[in-house]
Protein backbone atom coordinates (compact mmCIF):
# COMPACT_ATOMS: atom_id res chain seq x y z
CA MET A 1 -6.85 23.68 -12.07
CA ASN A 2 -3.09 24.02 -12.05
CA TRP A 3 -0.92 22.70 -9.24
CA GLU A 4 2.21 20.68 -8.61
CA ASP A 5 3.14 18.17 -5.91
CA GLU A 6 5.31 15.22 -4.97
CA CYS A 7 3.73 11.79 -5.29
CA TYR A 8 4.14 8.03 -5.62
CA LEU A 9 2.97 6.12 -8.67
CA LEU A 10 0.20 3.65 -7.82
CA SER A 11 -0.83 2.39 -11.26
CA LYS A 12 -0.50 3.03 -14.97
CA ARG A 13 -2.26 1.91 -18.13
CA LYS A 14 -1.86 2.65 -21.81
CA PHE A 15 -4.04 5.39 -23.26
CA ARG A 16 -4.02 5.78 -27.00
CA GLU A 17 -0.83 5.19 -28.97
CA ASN A 18 1.68 7.25 -27.03
CA ALA A 19 0.02 8.28 -23.81
CA SER A 20 -0.63 6.72 -20.40
CA ILE A 21 -3.17 7.25 -17.66
CA ILE A 22 -1.55 7.10 -14.25
CA ASP A 23 -2.89 7.09 -10.70
CA VAL A 24 -0.68 8.78 -8.13
CA PHE A 25 -0.80 9.29 -4.38
CA THR A 26 0.15 12.91 -3.79
CA LYS A 27 1.20 14.51 -0.54
CA ASN A 28 -1.31 17.37 -0.60
CA LYS A 29 -4.09 16.25 -2.98
CA GLY A 30 -4.48 12.57 -2.16
CA LYS A 31 -5.04 10.09 -4.97
CA VAL A 32 -5.31 11.74 -8.39
CA SER A 33 -5.51 10.39 -11.94
CA GLY A 34 -4.19 12.05 -15.07
CA ILE A 35 -2.92 11.62 -18.61
CA VAL A 36 0.79 11.63 -19.38
CA TYR A 37 1.53 12.41 -23.02
CA GLY A 38 4.55 10.46 -24.18
CA GLY A 39 4.00 8.02 -21.32
CA ASN A 40 4.80 5.09 -23.60
CA SER A 41 8.02 6.58 -24.89
CA ARG A 42 11.22 4.90 -23.76
CA LYS A 43 12.38 7.93 -21.77
CA ILE A 44 9.24 8.33 -19.68
CA LYS A 45 8.19 4.67 -19.55
CA ASN A 46 11.49 3.73 -17.93
CA TYR A 47 10.73 5.75 -14.79
CA LEU A 48 6.94 5.32 -14.68
CA GLN A 49 7.41 2.30 -12.43
CA ILE A 50 4.98 1.43 -9.63
CA SER A 51 5.92 3.07 -6.28
CA ASN A 52 8.55 5.39 -7.80
CA LYS A 53 8.53 8.90 -6.34
CA LEU A 54 7.67 11.61 -8.87
CA HIS A 55 7.20 15.33 -9.12
CA ILE A 56 4.11 16.20 -11.15
CA ILE A 57 2.63 19.34 -12.63
CA HIS A 58 -1.14 19.01 -13.06
CA ASN A 59 -3.23 20.94 -15.57
CA ALA A 60 -6.98 20.65 -16.10
CA LYS A 61 -9.70 22.91 -17.44
CA ASN A 62 -12.05 22.05 -14.58
CA GLU A 63 -12.37 19.66 -11.64
CA ASN A 64 -14.75 17.34 -13.48
CA ARG A 65 -12.38 16.46 -16.32
CA LEU A 66 -9.34 14.22 -16.32
CA GLY A 67 -6.25 16.41 -16.15
CA TYR A 68 -2.80 16.17 -17.68
CA PHE A 69 0.47 15.50 -15.88
CA LYS A 70 3.99 16.54 -16.60
CA THR A 71 6.18 14.12 -14.68
CA GLU A 72 9.73 14.03 -13.41
CA LEU A 73 11.48 11.27 -11.50
CA VAL A 74 12.45 12.21 -7.94
CA LYS A 75 13.50 8.84 -6.53
CA PRO A 76 13.45 5.32 -7.99
CA VAL A 77 12.02 2.71 -5.63
CA SER A 78 10.78 -0.41 -7.42
CA PRO A 79 13.77 -0.81 -9.82
CA LEU A 80 16.00 -1.37 -6.79
CA TYR A 81 14.08 -4.57 -6.02
CA PHE A 82 13.36 -6.09 -9.43
CA ASN A 83 15.40 -9.14 -8.38
CA ASP A 84 13.77 -9.38 -4.95
CA LYS A 85 10.46 -11.25 -5.23
CA GLU A 86 9.28 -10.56 -1.69
CA ARG A 87 9.91 -6.82 -1.72
CA SER A 88 8.58 -6.46 -5.27
CA SER A 89 5.34 -8.20 -4.29
CA ALA A 90 5.03 -5.97 -1.22
CA LEU A 91 5.45 -2.80 -3.30
CA LEU A 92 2.96 -3.95 -5.93
CA SER A 93 0.37 -5.06 -3.39
CA LEU A 94 0.61 -1.91 -1.26
CA SER A 95 0.31 0.32 -4.31
CA SER A 96 -2.66 -1.69 -5.58
CA ILE A 97 -4.49 -1.61 -2.24
CA LEU A 98 -3.96 2.14 -1.91
CA ASN A 99 -5.13 2.69 -5.49
CA ILE A 100 -8.30 0.69 -4.88
CA LEU A 101 -9.22 1.96 -1.42
CA LEU A 102 -8.09 5.59 -1.30
CA PRO A 103 -10.84 8.07 -2.21
CA ASP A 104 -10.11 10.42 -5.09
CA SER A 105 -8.75 13.89 -4.35
CA GLN A 106 -8.89 13.53 -0.58
CA PRO A 107 -5.53 14.13 1.12
CA ASN A 108 -4.53 11.77 3.89
CA GLU A 109 -1.35 12.95 5.56
CA ASN A 110 -1.12 10.00 7.96
CA ILE A 111 -1.31 7.35 5.25
CA TYR A 112 1.07 9.26 2.99
CA LYS A 113 3.60 9.64 5.79
CA SER A 114 3.47 5.98 6.86
CA PHE A 115 3.68 4.82 3.23
CA GLU A 116 6.72 7.00 2.61
CA GLU A 117 8.39 5.88 5.84
CA PHE A 118 7.95 2.26 4.79
CA LEU A 119 9.41 2.90 1.34
CA ASN A 120 12.41 4.53 2.99
CA SER A 121 12.85 1.47 5.24
CA ILE A 122 12.14 -1.40 2.86
CA ASN A 123 15.84 -2.16 2.53
CA LEU A 124 16.08 -2.98 6.26
CA GLU A 125 16.32 -6.57 7.46
CA ASN A 126 13.03 -6.39 9.41
CA TRP A 127 11.11 -4.75 6.55
CA ILE A 128 8.34 -7.39 6.50
CA ILE A 129 7.39 -6.56 10.11
CA LEU A 130 7.26 -2.89 9.15
CA PHE A 131 5.01 -3.88 6.25
CA ILE A 132 2.62 -5.70 8.60
CA PHE A 133 2.43 -2.77 11.01
CA LEU A 134 1.88 -0.46 8.03
CA GLU A 135 -1.13 -2.53 6.99
CA LEU A 136 -2.55 -2.30 10.52
CA ASN A 137 -2.04 1.46 10.44
CA LEU A 138 -3.67 1.64 7.00
CA ILE A 139 -6.72 -0.27 8.25
CA LYS A 140 -7.12 2.21 11.10
CA ASN A 141 -6.65 5.27 8.90
CA LEU A 142 -9.22 3.97 6.43
CA GLY A 143 -11.78 4.05 9.22
CA TYR A 144 -11.67 0.70 10.98
CA ASP A 145 -9.83 0.10 14.25
CA THR A 146 -9.10 -3.53 15.16
CA ASN A 147 -8.71 -2.51 18.84
CA LEU A 148 -6.17 -5.26 19.44
CA GLU A 149 -5.17 -3.60 22.72
CA ASN A 150 -8.45 -4.90 24.17
CA PHE A 151 -6.97 -8.42 24.11
CA LYS A 152 -3.81 -7.59 26.07
CA ASP A 153 -5.17 -8.81 29.40
CA ASN A 154 -6.18 -12.27 28.20
CA ASN A 155 -3.03 -13.94 29.62
CA PHE A 156 -2.23 -15.69 26.36
CA GLN A 157 0.36 -18.42 26.64
CA ASN A 158 1.07 -19.04 22.95
CA ASP A 159 2.65 -16.89 20.26
CA ILE A 160 -0.48 -17.12 18.12
CA GLN A 161 -3.87 -16.41 19.71
CA LYS A 162 -7.44 -16.97 18.61
CA ILE A 163 -9.67 -13.94 18.98
CA GLN A 164 -13.02 -12.72 17.68
CA ILE A 165 -13.62 -9.30 16.13
CA ASP A 166 -17.11 -8.36 14.93
CA ASN A 167 -18.17 -12.03 14.86
CA PHE A 168 -15.18 -13.02 12.72
CA ASN A 169 -12.62 -15.46 14.12
CA TYR A 170 -8.96 -14.63 13.64
CA GLU A 171 -5.59 -16.05 14.59
CA VAL A 172 -3.32 -13.20 15.66
CA PRO A 173 0.37 -13.32 16.60
CA LYS A 174 0.79 -12.00 20.13
CA PHE A 175 3.39 -9.42 19.10
CA LEU A 176 0.71 -7.60 17.07
CA ILE A 177 -1.52 -7.40 20.13
CA GLU A 178 1.39 -6.09 22.20
CA LYS A 179 2.49 -3.78 19.34
CA LYS A 180 6.16 -4.61 19.61
CA PHE A 181 8.73 -6.43 17.54
CA PRO A 182 8.88 -10.19 18.25
CA GLU A 183 11.96 -11.52 20.00
CA LYS A 184 12.08 -14.51 17.67
CA LEU A 185 10.77 -14.18 14.14
CA SER A 186 9.70 -17.20 12.11
CA ASN A 187 7.98 -17.75 8.79
CA ILE A 188 4.95 -19.02 10.71
CA LEU A 189 4.62 -15.73 12.63
CA ILE A 190 5.08 -13.71 9.47
CA LYS A 191 2.52 -15.71 7.51
CA LYS A 192 -0.04 -15.67 10.34
CA SER A 193 0.41 -11.89 10.60
CA LEU A 194 -0.06 -11.46 6.85
CA TYR A 195 -3.15 -13.70 6.99
CA PHE A 196 -4.62 -11.61 9.79
CA THR A 197 -4.14 -8.19 8.15
CA ARG A 198 -5.25 -9.55 4.78
CA ASN A 199 -8.44 -11.04 6.24
CA ILE A 200 -9.29 -7.79 8.03
CA ILE A 201 -8.75 -5.77 4.85
CA GLN A 202 -10.86 -8.18 2.83
CA ASN A 203 -13.68 -8.48 5.38
CA LYS A 204 -13.97 -4.76 6.05
CA PHE A 205 -13.21 -3.17 2.69
CA PHE A 206 -13.04 -5.57 -0.26
CA PHE A 207 -15.81 -8.14 0.23
CA PRO A 208 -18.56 -5.64 1.23
CA ASN A 209 -17.84 -3.59 -1.90
CA ASN A 210 -17.27 -6.51 -4.31
CA LEU A 211 -13.70 -5.44 -4.98
CA HIS A 212 -10.97 -7.70 -6.35
CA PHE A 213 -8.12 -8.27 -3.94
CA PRO A 214 -4.62 -7.88 -5.46
CA LYS A 215 -2.99 -11.18 -6.39
CA SER A 216 0.41 -9.71 -5.56
CA ARG A 217 -0.62 -9.52 -1.88
CA ILE A 218 -1.55 -13.20 -1.76
CA LEU A 219 1.67 -14.04 -3.61
CA LEU A 220 3.62 -12.27 -0.86
CA GLU A 221 2.26 -14.74 1.70
CA SER A 222 3.44 -17.71 -0.38
CA TYR A 223 7.08 -16.74 0.16
CA TYR A 224 6.78 -17.52 3.88
CA ASN A 225 5.74 -21.17 3.77
């Protein structure tokens, strides 16, 4: 099985003395794992950073065995934000969630496109709102629709509304229900939005499958106290 594709690095771990196993989210193959020989060398290790964009060449004897990657850096992403705690936490948490929840070797063009669009926009001032809408889009593309539009006609008076979805109670900022950017953005709105998307992701995907939720995602919320 030989192929090549563009991808984003989701995770890496040491494998033997001078090799790494990496998980990547590819444009055409979905999430794929493989061995990178020399992955712990200074040259390769420096660009095998979570969320960096890579070009990979994959080689495997058959579909049932872990393949081998040759990697090349296309675009650095995470190194640009090593001194930015909020953005770094967002990149780590998104990559971790995708690595945990995406099925192996199943392409998902919508998720790949929205993930890439966010990475290309993370330097913008309103990046955290884009992150929140990305999580909502991810939830839908993973098979669960929150159907927030059903609550539009409730004549809510406050910026944060209490609603019930599948017998779970949530507090949801009104701008998420209306699917538009808020006129005034506060840390309270941001944190309530992050709480809401996190609770949906946990209730629908992590808790039922006994999966560990990324600490980096919870850390992101702590920056908006």
